[in-house]
C-alpha atoms as a PDB file:
ATOM      1  CA  MET A   1     -18.190   3.772 -18.766  1.00  0.00           C
ATOM      2  CA  LYS A   2     -20.106   1.573 -20.738  1.00  0.00           C
ATOM      3  CA  SER A   3     -22.115  -1.831 -20.033  1.00  0.00           C
ATOM      4  CA  SER A   4     -23.246  -4.716 -22.145  1.00  0.00           C
ATOM      5  CA  VAL A   5     -26.037  -6.854 -23.048  1.00  0.00           C
ATOM      6  CA  SER A   6     -26.269  -9.788 -24.927  1.00  0.00           C
ATOM      7  CA  ARG A   7     -29.215 -10.498 -26.968  1.00  0.00           C
ATOM      8  CA  ASP A   8     -29.570 -13.478 -29.036  1.00  0.00           C
ATOM      9  CA  GLY A   9     -25.714 -13.995 -28.677  1.00  0.00           C
ATOM     10  CA  VAL A  10     -24.704 -10.581 -29.984  1.00  0.00           C
ATOM     11  CA  SER A  11     -23.032  -8.492 -27.679  1.00  0.00           C
ATOM     12  CA  GLU A  12     -23.830  -4.728 -27.690  1.00  0.00           C
ATOM     13  CA  LYS A  13     -22.475  -1.531 -25.588  1.00  0.00           C
ATOM     14  CA  ILE A  14     -24.769   0.228 -24.265  1.00  0.00           C
ATOM     15  CA  SER A  15     -23.392   3.481 -22.420  1.00  0.00           C
ATOM     16  CA  GLU A  16     -24.420   5.294 -19.498  1.00  0.00           C
ATOM     17  CA  ALA A  17     -26.497   7.622 -20.911  1.00  0.00           C
ATOM     18  CA  GLU A  18     -28.183   5.011 -23.016  1.00  0.00           C
ATOM     19  CA  LEU A  19     -29.265   3.153 -19.894  1.00  0.00           C
ATOM     20  CA  VAL A  20     -30.871   6.251 -18.250  1.00  0.00           C
ATOM     21  CA  VAL A  21     -33.159   6.258 -21.097  1.00  0.00           C
ATOM     22  CA  MET A  22     -33.477   2.583 -20.781  1.00  0.00           C
ATOM     23  CA  GLU A  23     -34.127   2.636 -17.167  1.00  0.00           C
ATOM     24  CA  ALA A  24     -37.503   4.944 -18.027  1.00  0.00           C
ATOM     25  CA  LEU A  25     -38.724   2.486 -20.630  1.00  0.00           C
ATOM     26  CA  TRP A  26     -38.472  -0.057 -18.121  1.00  0.00           C
ATOM     27  CA  GLU A  27     -40.168   2.020 -15.758  1.00  0.00           C
ATOM     28  CA  HIS A  28     -43.301   2.727 -18.395  1.00  0.00           C
ATOM     29  CA  SER A  29     -43.296   1.622 -21.465  1.00  0.00           C
ATOM     30  CA  PRO A  30     -44.394   3.228 -24.852  1.00  0.00           C
ATOM     31  CA  GLN A  31     -43.714   6.595 -24.521  1.00  0.00           C
ATOM     32  CA  THR A  32     -42.610   9.123 -26.732  1.00  0.00           C
ATOM     33  CA  ALA A  33     -39.533  10.468 -27.124  1.00  0.00           C
ATOM     34  CA  ASN A  34     -40.945  13.551 -25.190  1.00  0.00           C
ATOM     35  CA  ASP A  35     -42.588  11.515 -22.505  1.00  0.00           C
ATOM     36  CA  VAL A  36     -39.151  10.126 -21.473  1.00  0.00           C
ATOM     37  CA  ALA A  37     -37.116  13.651 -21.964  1.00  0.00           C
ATOM     38  CA  ASP A  38     -39.544  14.525 -19.061  1.00  0.00           C
ATOM     39  CA  ARG A  39     -38.789  11.276 -16.932  1.00  0.00           C
ATOM     40  CA  VAL A  40     -35.279  11.617 -17.109  1.00  0.00           C
ATOM     41  CA  ALA A  41     -35.584  15.592 -16.915  1.00  0.00           C
ATOM     42  CA  GLY A  42     -35.067  15.367 -12.796  1.00  0.00           C
ATOM     43  CA  ALA A  43     -31.974  13.318 -13.294  1.00  0.00           C
ATOM     44  CA  ARG A  44     -30.481  14.861 -16.142  1.00  0.00           C
ATOM     45  CA  ASP A  45     -30.479  18.563 -17.997  1.00  0.00           C
ATOM     46  CA  TRP A  46     -31.288  16.790 -21.491  1.00  0.00           C
ATOM     47  CA  SER A  47     -33.036  18.680 -23.875  1.00  0.00           C
ATOM     48  CA  VAL A  48     -35.750  16.583 -26.376  1.00  0.00           C
ATOM     49  CA  GLN A  49     -33.414  16.168 -28.642  1.00  0.00           C
ATOM     50  CA  THR A  50     -30.178  14.722 -27.092  1.00  0.00           C
ATOM     51  CA  VAL A  51     -33.086  12.105 -25.665  1.00  0.00           C
ATOM     52  CA  LYS A  52     -34.189  11.648 -29.721  1.00  0.00           C
ATOM     53  CA  THR A  53     -30.278  10.945 -30.359  1.00  0.00           C
ATOM     54  CA  LEU A  54     -30.083   8.210 -27.736  1.00  0.00           C
ATOM     55  CA  LEU A  55     -33.196   6.778 -28.806  1.00  0.00           C
ATOM     56  CA  SER A  56     -31.707   6.825 -31.924  1.00  0.00           C
ATOM     57  CA  ARG A  57     -28.343   4.949 -31.143  1.00  0.00           C
ATOM     58  CA  LEU A  58     -30.424   2.190 -28.451  1.00  0.00           C
ATOM     59  CA  MET A  59     -32.487   1.665 -32.104  1.00  0.00           C
ATOM     60  CA  ALA A  60     -29.952   0.803 -34.011  1.00  0.00           C
ATOM     61  CA  LYS A  61     -28.177  -1.643 -31.360  1.00  0.00           C
ATOM     62  CA  GLU A  62     -31.809  -3.148 -31.232  1.00  0.00           C
ATOM     63  CA  VAL A  63     -32.212  -3.124 -27.769  1.00  0.00           C
ATOM     64  CA  ILE A  64     -35.613  -0.928 -27.807  1.00  0.00           C
ATOM     65  CA  ALA A  65     -38.007  -0.511 -30.975  1.00  0.00           C
ATOM     66  CA  ALA A  66     -40.460   1.910 -32.040  1.00  0.00           C
ATOM     67  CA  ASP A  67     -43.855   2.075 -33.144  1.00  0.00           C
ATOM     68  CA  GLN A  68     -45.291   4.587 -35.307  1.00  0.00           C
ATOM     69  CA  ASP A  69     -48.689   6.129 -33.704  1.00  0.00           C
ATOM     70  CA  GLY A  70     -49.811   8.495 -35.916  1.00  0.00           C
ATOM     71  CA  ARG A  71     -46.659  11.307 -36.489  1.00  0.00           C
ATOM     72  CA  ARG A  72     -44.764  10.483 -33.657  1.00  0.00           C
ATOM     73  CA  PHE A  73     -42.794   7.660 -32.066  1.00  0.00           C
ATOM     74  CA  LEU A  74     -44.067   5.292 -29.238  1.00  0.00           C
ATOM     75  CA  TYR A  75     -40.548   3.700 -27.947  1.00  0.00           C
ATOM     76  CA  ARG A  76     -40.213   0.751 -26.046  1.00  0.00           C
ATOM     77  CA  PRO A  77     -37.307  -2.080 -24.781  1.00  0.00           C
ATOM     78  CA  LEU A  78     -36.966  -5.408 -26.565  1.00  0.00           C
ATOM     79  CA  ILE A  79     -34.628  -6.639 -23.383  1.00  0.00           C
ATOM     80  CA  ALA A  80     -36.277  -6.947 -20.059  1.00  0.00           C
ATOM     81  CA  ARG A  81     -34.348  -5.086 -16.994  1.00  0.00           C
ATOM     82  CA  ASP A  82     -34.146  -8.592 -15.227  1.00  0.00           C
ATOM     83  CA  ASP A  83     -32.010 -10.376 -18.401  1.00  0.00           C
ATOM     84  CA  TYR A  84     -29.902  -7.252 -18.830  1.00  0.00           C
ATOM     85  CA  VAL A  85     -28.956  -7.343 -14.999  1.00  0.00           C
ATOM     86  CA  ALA A  86     -28.342 -10.893 -15.043  1.00  0.00           C
ATOM     87  CA  SER A  87     -26.214 -10.482 -18.427  1.00  0.00           C
ATOM     88  CA  GLU A  88     -23.895  -7.428 -16.574  1.00  0.00           C
ATOM     89  CA  SER A  89     -24.018  -9.304 -13.049  1.00  0.00           C
ATOM     90  CA  GLY A  90     -22.459 -12.178 -14.951  1.00  0.00           C
ATOM     91  CA  ARG A  91     -20.148 -10.255 -16.746  1.00  0.00           C
ATOM     92  CA  LEU A  92     -18.915  -8.483 -13.650  1.00  0.00           C
ATOM     93  CA  VAL A  93     -18.514 -11.537 -11.579  1.00  0.00           C
ATOM     94  CA  ASN A  94     -16.729 -13.471 -14.677  1.00  0.00           C
ATOM     95  CA  ARG A  95     -14.451 -10.091 -15.626  1.00  0.00           C
ATOM     96  CA  LEU A  96     -13.663  -9.222 -12.646  1.00  0.00           C
ATOM     97  CA  PHE A  97     -13.619 -12.408 -10.064  1.00  0.00           C
ATOM     98  CA  GLY A  98     -13.053 -15.411 -12.412  1.00  0.00           C
ATOM     99  CA  GLY A  99     -16.671 -16.193 -12.172  1.00  0.00           C
ATOM    100  CA  ARG A 100     -16.823 -16.670  -8.984  1.00  0.00           C
ATOM    101  CA  VAL A 101     -19.227 -14.846  -6.706  1.00  0.00           C
ATOM    102  CA  SER A 102     -17.969 -15.361  -3.166  1.00  0.00           C
ATOM    103  CA  PRO A 103     -15.247 -13.332  -3.775  1.00  0.00           C
ATOM    104  CA  LEU A 104     -17.750 -10.301  -4.335  1.00  0.00           C
ATOM    105  CA  ILE A 105     -19.575 -10.880  -1.672  1.00  0.00           C
ATOM    106  CA  ALA A 106     -15.939 -10.690   0.521  1.00  0.00           C
ATOM    107  CA  GLN A 107     -14.694  -7.437  -0.792  1.00  0.00           C
ATOM    108  CA  PHE A 108     -18.544  -6.246  -0.161  1.00  0.00           C
ATOM    109  CA  ALA A 109     -17.625  -7.465   3.307  1.00  0.00           C
ATOM    110  CA  GLN A 110     -14.291  -6.105   4.084  1.00  0.00           C
ATOM    111  CA  GLN A 111     -15.019  -2.324   2.820  1.00  0.00           C
ATOM    112  CA  ASP A 112     -18.420  -2.631   4.902  1.00  0.00           C
ATOM    113  CA  GLN A 113     -20.126  -2.409   2.394  1.00  0.00           C
ATOM    114  CA  LEU A 114     -22.985  -4.852   3.691  1.00  0.00           C
ATOM    115  CA  THR A 115     -25.980  -3.464   5.858  1.00  0.00           C
ATOM    116  CA  ALA A 116     -27.433  -5.873   8.396  1.00  0.00           C
ATOM    117  CA  GLU A 117     -30.138  -6.192   6.128  1.00  0.00           C
ATOM    118  CA  ASP A 118     -27.983  -7.011   3.589  1.00  0.00           C
ATOM    119  CA  ILE A 119     -26.593  -9.906   5.179  1.00  0.00           C
ATOM    120  CA  ALA A 120     -30.217 -11.136   6.570  1.00  0.00           C
ATOM    121  CA  GLU A 121     -31.426 -11.109   2.861  1.00  0.00           C
ATOM    122  CA  LEU A 122     -28.172 -13.141   2.172  1.00  0.00           C
ATOM    123  CA  GLU A 123     -28.717 -15.526   4.362  1.00  0.00           C
ATOM    124  CA  ASP A 124     -32.438 -16.377   3.296  1.00  0.00           C
ATOM    125  CA  ILE A 125     -31.147 -16.563  -0.011  1.00  0.00           C
ATOM    126  CA  LEU A 126     -28.265 -19.462   0.973  1.00  0.00           C
ATOM    127  CA  LYS A 127     -31.167 -20.862   3.329  1.00  0.00           C
ATOM    128  CA  GLY A 128     -33.627 -21.336   0.707  1.00  0.00           C
ATOM    129  CA  LEU A 129     -30.557 -22.525  -1.985  1.00  0.00           C
ATOM    130  CA  LYS A 130     -29.862 -25.109   0.578  1.00  0.00           C
ATOM    131  CA  SER A 131     -33.361 -26.754   0.926  1.00  0.00           C
END
């Protein structure tokens, strides 16, 4: 499954594997390829070479940058996680629900996927919007 992010009007695809690397970089930056490999080791059984390949792909997509530090490179994201989430959320709502959020929430409610805590948070958000 692929996701896309809009950066300066350019839509780039970010794969699920690349998203794992992005999450590591959003959590802490800058990092070396070895640092990223160590961070994702618990979730994925990837070699450092696999991580370097994913980093190269993300650089080609211009969603991360690398700064040389001696003989190593330090990687950092060029897009904020919040911007990525907003872009992906909007794309999902547009694609599946015609740009309307309420059918998305209704879908979760019909599937019993909303906890009492979720409902309370949604109520607080709506109250804040009405104020």
